[in-house]
Amino acid sequence: MSSCLLNEENFRRCCQLLLQQSNRLGDGWSWEPVQGSEEGYLRKTALRSVIIDSSPNQENQNASHTGRDQLEQEQEQSRLSAPAASSDADGFESIEDDGGDEDDGVCAVSEGSSRVLQYEYHILYSCSYRTPVLYFRAFTLEGRSLSLDEVWSAVHPNYRLRLQQSPWNTITQQEHPLLGQSFFVLHPCRTEEFMKPVMQAAQQELRPVNYVVTWLSVVGPLVGLEIPLSYSTQSHPASHSDTTRTQPD
């Protein structure tokens, strides 16, 4: 098996190690089993203070009307999208959450408006891509779900230009494969490309790497999910030679 891909057994092993580290750090991750199934996913909720910028909103609205018709063209341009840029980790430097005061109103998309939002992150395994996939949804403190346009507008300015160039290949909206509910998702189509050099370098250096932690440290900041450096210093690999299925607690 390619070192830049995971089978489901090793995905679960990586998740178990991440959960052990999260418990030590108090980072809030949990394993959510699906009732009546052997499947499950990692879950974390967090409050984020974000600035929703209206300046790209019209472009995002245009994209939402024309994006499906232009999807094939945008796929050709996907090397310009955020995941593509992460192949050498350029453009995915760690960022701090924007500061902002809590606002009593709902999340209106007005220029420079700061809002406190609740994000719910899920990490699932994709059998099709053989990689982790990050699903998420976002709410105002009053409980209103954000629209796709608002999620695009809430992306940190460091990543917004690439998002505008190919929004449908970066963040889109689809049904959660285990819950059957509407979620936003970071498209996994470029995961193998940016993970391959990372995993190959780690193998050559005999350096322990948790695939899920490394992957999440690259894609998470795009949607405000920061990974403490403590994870990398405590990381241990999930061996591809392991044959025993390990279920996260």
Protein backbone atom coordinates (compact mmCIF):
# COMPACT_ATOMS: atom_id res chain seq x y z
CA MET A 1 0.00 0.00 0.00
CA SER A 2 1.21 3.47 -0.80
CA SER A 3 2.65 5.34 2.19
CA CYS A 4 0.49 8.36 1.33
CA LEU A 5 -2.75 6.39 1.68
CA LEU A 6 -4.47 4.70 4.61
CA ASN A 7 -6.56 1.61 4.95
CA GLU A 8 -9.43 1.74 7.42
CA GLU A 9 -7.57 -0.30 10.02
CA ASN A 10 -4.67 2.14 10.15
CA PHE A 11 -7.05 5.09 10.10
CA ARG A 12 -8.66 3.78 13.29
CA ARG A 13 -5.24 3.20 14.83
CA CYS A 14 -4.24 6.80 14.05
CA CYS A 15 -7.52 8.01 15.53
CA GLN A 16 -6.91 6.05 18.70
CA LEU A 17 -3.47 7.64 19.10
CA LEU A 18 -4.93 11.10 18.41
CA LEU A 19 -7.57 10.51 21.09
CA GLN A 20 -4.91 9.50 23.61
CA GLN A 21 -3.01 12.70 22.90
CA SER A 22 -6.20 14.78 22.99
CA ASN A 23 -7.09 13.36 26.39
CA ARG A 24 -3.67 14.28 27.74
CA LEU A 25 -3.91 17.79 26.29
CA GLY A 26 -7.59 18.35 27.07
CA ASP A 27 -8.19 19.15 23.40
CA GLY A 28 -11.79 17.93 23.23
CA TRP A 29 -11.75 15.19 20.59
CA SER A 30 -14.03 12.17 21.06
CA TRP A 31 -14.91 9.03 19.12
CA GLU A 32 -18.56 8.78 18.08
CA PRO A 33 -19.70 5.27 17.12
CA VAL A 34 -22.63 4.87 14.74
CA GLN A 35 -25.41 2.86 16.37
CA GLY A 36 -25.91 -0.51 14.76
CA SER A 37 -22.65 -0.26 12.82
CA GLU A 38 -18.93 -0.80 13.29
CA GLU A 39 -18.28 2.63 11.79
CA GLY A 40 -17.62 5.85 13.64
CA TYR A 41 -15.87 9.21 13.44
CA LEU A 42 -13.82 11.69 15.44
CA ARG A 43 -15.75 14.71 16.71
CA LYS A 44 -14.83 18.06 18.25
CA THR A 45 -16.78 21.28 18.88
CA ALA A 46 -15.23 24.71 19.36
CA LEU A 47 -16.21 28.35 19.56
CA ARG A 48 -14.48 30.58 17.03
CA SER A 49 -14.39 34.33 16.74
CA VAL A 50 -14.36 35.14 13.03
CA ILE A 51 -14.65 38.18 10.79
CA ILE A 52 -17.12 37.56 8.01
CA ASP A 53 -16.01 39.73 5.13
CA SER A 54 -18.60 40.81 2.59
CA SER A 55 -16.03 41.81 -0.04
CA PRO A 56 -15.82 38.34 -1.63
CA ASN A 57 -19.46 37.55 -1.02
CA GLN A 58 -20.75 38.59 -4.43
CA GLU A 59 -18.09 36.48 -6.10
CA ASN A 60 -19.08 33.55 -3.91
CA GLN A 61 -22.74 34.03 -4.78
CA ASN A 62 -21.84 34.02 -8.46
CA ALA A 63 -19.84 30.86 -7.88
CA SER A 64 -22.78 29.20 -6.16
CA HIS A 65 -24.95 29.88 -9.24
CA THR A 66 -22.41 28.90 -11.88
CA GLY A 67 -20.06 26.58 -10.04
CA ARG A 68 -21.83 23.35 -10.91
CA ASP A 69 -21.80 24.19 -14.63
CA GLN A 70 -18.12 25.07 -14.44
CA LEU A 71 -17.04 22.20 -12.22
CA GLU A 72 -15.05 20.43 -14.92
CA GLN A 73 -13.14 23.61 -15.73
CA GLU A 74 -12.48 24.26 -12.07
CA GLN A 75 -11.14 20.74 -11.62
CA GLU A 76 -8.48 21.57 -14.18
CA GLN A 77 -7.61 24.60 -12.09
CA SER A 78 -7.63 22.68 -8.82
CA ARG A 79 -3.85 22.97 -8.57
CA LEU A 80 -4.57 26.58 -7.62
CA SER A 81 -6.95 25.57 -4.83
CA ALA A 82 -6.06 25.47 -1.16
CA PRO A 83 -5.40 21.71 -0.90
CA ALA A 84 -3.19 21.82 -3.98
CA ALA A 85 -1.12 24.58 -2.50
CA SER A 86 -0.49 22.41 0.51
CA SER A 87 1.61 19.91 -1.43
CA ASP A 88 4.68 21.58 -0.05
CA ALA A 89 2.83 23.15 2.88
CA ASP A 90 3.04 26.60 1.24
CA GLY A 91 0.08 28.79 2.08
CA PHE A 92 -0.94 26.60 4.99
CA GLU A 93 1.11 28.15 7.76
CA SER A 94 -0.49 27.97 11.18
CA ILE A 95 -2.68 30.97 11.94
CA GLU A 96 -4.24 32.31 15.09
CA ASP A 97 -7.98 32.75 15.36
CA ASP A 98 -9.04 36.31 14.68
CA GLY A 99 -9.98 38.25 17.78
CA GLY A 100 -13.44 39.62 18.10
CA ASP A 101 -16.13 40.44 20.61
CA GLU A 102 -19.29 38.43 21.00
CA ASP A 103 -22.22 39.99 19.22
CA ASP A 104 -25.85 39.68 20.30
CA GLY A 105 -27.17 39.73 16.75
CA VAL A 106 -27.37 36.91 14.24
CA CYS A 107 -24.53 36.34 11.83
CA ALA A 108 -25.18 38.94 9.17
CA VAL A 109 -22.78 39.03 6.25
CA SER A 110 -21.69 42.65 6.53
CA GLU A 111 -18.23 43.96 5.79
CA GLY A 112 -15.82 43.34 8.64
CA SER A 113 -18.50 42.03 11.02
CA SER A 114 -17.04 39.96 13.87
CA ARG A 115 -19.08 37.04 15.15
CA VAL A 116 -18.59 34.20 17.62
CA LEU A 117 -19.62 30.95 15.95
CA GLN A 118 -19.82 27.36 17.09
CA TYR A 119 -18.06 24.87 14.83
CA GLU A 120 -18.55 21.11 14.90
CA TYR A 121 -15.78 19.11 13.22
CA HIS A 122 -15.96 15.45 12.16
CA ILE A 123 -13.13 13.32 10.79
CA LEU A 124 -14.29 10.35 8.72
CA TYR A 125 -12.56 7.73 6.63
CA SER A 126 -13.14 7.77 2.86
CA CYS A 127 -13.00 4.32 1.27
CA SER A 128 -12.98 5.93 -2.18
CA TYR A 129 -9.95 8.16 -1.59
CA ARG A 130 -8.39 6.01 1.20
CA THR A 131 -7.75 9.16 3.20
CA PRO A 132 -9.34 11.04 6.12
CA VAL A 133 -11.99 13.62 5.24
CA LEU A 134 -12.93 16.67 7.31
CA TYR A 135 -16.65 17.42 7.60
CA PHE A 136 -17.92 20.37 9.60
CA ARG A 137 -20.89 22.64 10.25
CA ALA A 138 -21.15 26.07 11.82
CA PHE A 139 -23.84 27.86 13.82
CA THR A 140 -24.43 31.27 15.30
CA LEU A 141 -24.81 31.39 19.08
CA GLU A 142 -28.56 31.64 18.46
CA GLY A 143 -28.45 28.24 16.71
CA ARG A 144 -28.80 29.33 13.08
CA SER A 145 -26.79 27.28 10.58
CA LEU A 146 -24.44 29.19 8.31
CA SER A 147 -25.00 29.04 4.58
CA LEU A 148 -22.25 27.94 2.18
CA ASP A 149 -21.74 31.57 1.11
CA GLU A 150 -21.22 32.58 4.74
CA VAL A 151 -18.77 29.72 5.33
CA TRP A 152 -16.80 30.81 2.26
CA SER A 153 -16.83 34.39 3.53
CA ALA A 154 -15.64 33.30 7.00
CA VAL A 155 -12.49 31.64 5.65
CA HIS A 156 -9.33 33.34 6.90
CA PRO A 157 -8.01 35.96 4.43
CA ASN A 158 -4.77 33.97 4.00
CA TYR A 159 -6.73 31.29 2.14
CA ARG A 160 -9.61 33.26 0.62
CA LEU A 161 -8.01 34.01 -2.76
CA ARG A 162 -7.40 30.36 -3.53
CA LEU A 163 -10.91 29.54 -2.31
CA GLN A 164 -12.40 32.07 -4.74
CA GLN A 165 -10.45 30.59 -7.63
CA SER A 166 -11.95 27.13 -7.12
CA PRO A 167 -14.58 27.10 -4.36
CA TRP A 168 -16.34 23.89 -5.39
CA ASN A 169 -13.10 21.92 -5.25
CA THR A 170 -12.20 23.24 -1.80
CA ILE A 171 -15.21 23.66 0.50
CA THR A 172 -18.59 22.38 -0.58
CA GLN A 173 -21.78 21.09 1.01
CA GLN A 174 -23.03 17.51 0.95
CA GLU A 175 -24.73 14.83 2.99
CA HIS A 176 -22.78 13.39 5.91
CA PRO A 177 -22.20 9.75 4.86
CA LEU A 178 -22.86 8.35 8.35
CA LEU A 179 -25.50 10.75 9.70
CA GLY A 180 -27.44 11.63 6.56
CA GLN A 181 -27.40 15.33 7.51
CA SER A 182 -26.15 18.33 5.55
CA PHE A 183 -22.52 19.20 6.32
CA PHE A 184 -19.73 21.22 4.77
CA VAL A 185 -16.72 19.22 3.63
CA LEU A 186 -13.13 19.85 2.60
CA HIS A 187 -12.79 17.99 -0.67
CA PRO A 188 -10.18 15.19 -0.35
CA CYS A 189 -9.16 15.01 -4.02
CA ARG A 190 -5.68 16.51 -3.41
CA THR A 191 -4.90 14.75 -0.15
CA GLU A 192 -2.68 12.07 -1.66
CA GLU A 193 -0.70 14.70 -3.55
CA PHE A 194 0.28 16.78 -0.53
CA MET A 195 0.65 13.86 1.89
CA LYS A 196 2.93 11.77 -0.31
CA PRO A 197 6.15 13.82 0.11
CA VAL A 198 5.50 14.22 3.84
CA MET A 199 5.08 10.50 4.46
CA GLN A 200 7.96 9.51 2.18
CA ALA A 201 10.30 11.91 3.96
CA ALA A 202 9.21 10.55 7.34
CA GLN A 203 9.89 6.99 6.20
CA GLN A 204 13.33 7.85 4.87
CA GLU A 205 14.22 9.59 8.13
CA LEU A 206 12.66 6.80 10.24
CA ARG A 207 10.63 9.53 11.90
CA PRO A 208 7.35 8.56 13.61
CA VAL A 209 4.31 10.23 12.08
CA ASN A 210 0.61 9.97 12.82
CA TYR A 211 -1.00 10.30 9.40
CA VAL A 212 -4.25 11.81 10.70
CA VAL A 213 -2.49 14.38 12.90
CA THR A 214 -0.15 15.42 10.06
CA TRP A 215 -3.01 15.67 7.55
CA LEU A 216 -5.17 17.65 9.99
CA SER A 217 -2.38 20.13 10.72
CA VAL A 218 -2.38 20.96 6.99
CA VAL A 219 -6.09 21.16 6.20
CA GLY A 220 -7.51 22.23 9.58
CA PRO A 221 -6.39 25.88 9.58
CA LEU A 222 -8.40 26.52 6.40
CA VAL A 223 -11.56 26.26 8.54
CA GLY A 224 -10.11 27.54 11.80
CA LEU A 225 -9.13 24.19 13.30
CA GLU A 226 -5.70 24.60 14.86
CA ILE A 227 -3.58 21.62 15.92
CA PRO A 228 -1.30 22.23 18.93
CA LEU A 229 2.38 21.52 18.32
CA SER A 230 2.23 19.13 21.27
CA TYR A 231 0.57 16.59 18.98
CA SER A 232 3.62 16.34 16.73
CA THR A 233 6.05 15.97 19.62
CA GLN A 234 4.01 13.08 21.03
CA SER A 235 3.11 11.48 17.71
CA HIS A 236 3.65 7.81 16.97
CA PRO A 237 3.05 6.04 13.66
CA ALA A 238 0.33 3.55 12.86
CA SER A 239 2.28 0.64 11.40
CA HIS A 240 1.17 -0.52 7.96
CA SER A 241 2.18 -4.01 9.03
CA ASP A 242 -0.35 -4.09 11.87
CA THR A 243 -2.99 -6.70 11.25
CA THR A 244 -5.09 -6.31 14.38
CA ARG A 245 -8.05 -3.96 14.08
CA THR A 246 -8.03 -1.45 16.92
CA GLN A 247 -11.25 0.35 17.75
CA PRO A 248 -10.99 3.85 19.27
CA ASP A 249 -12.63 4.14 22.66
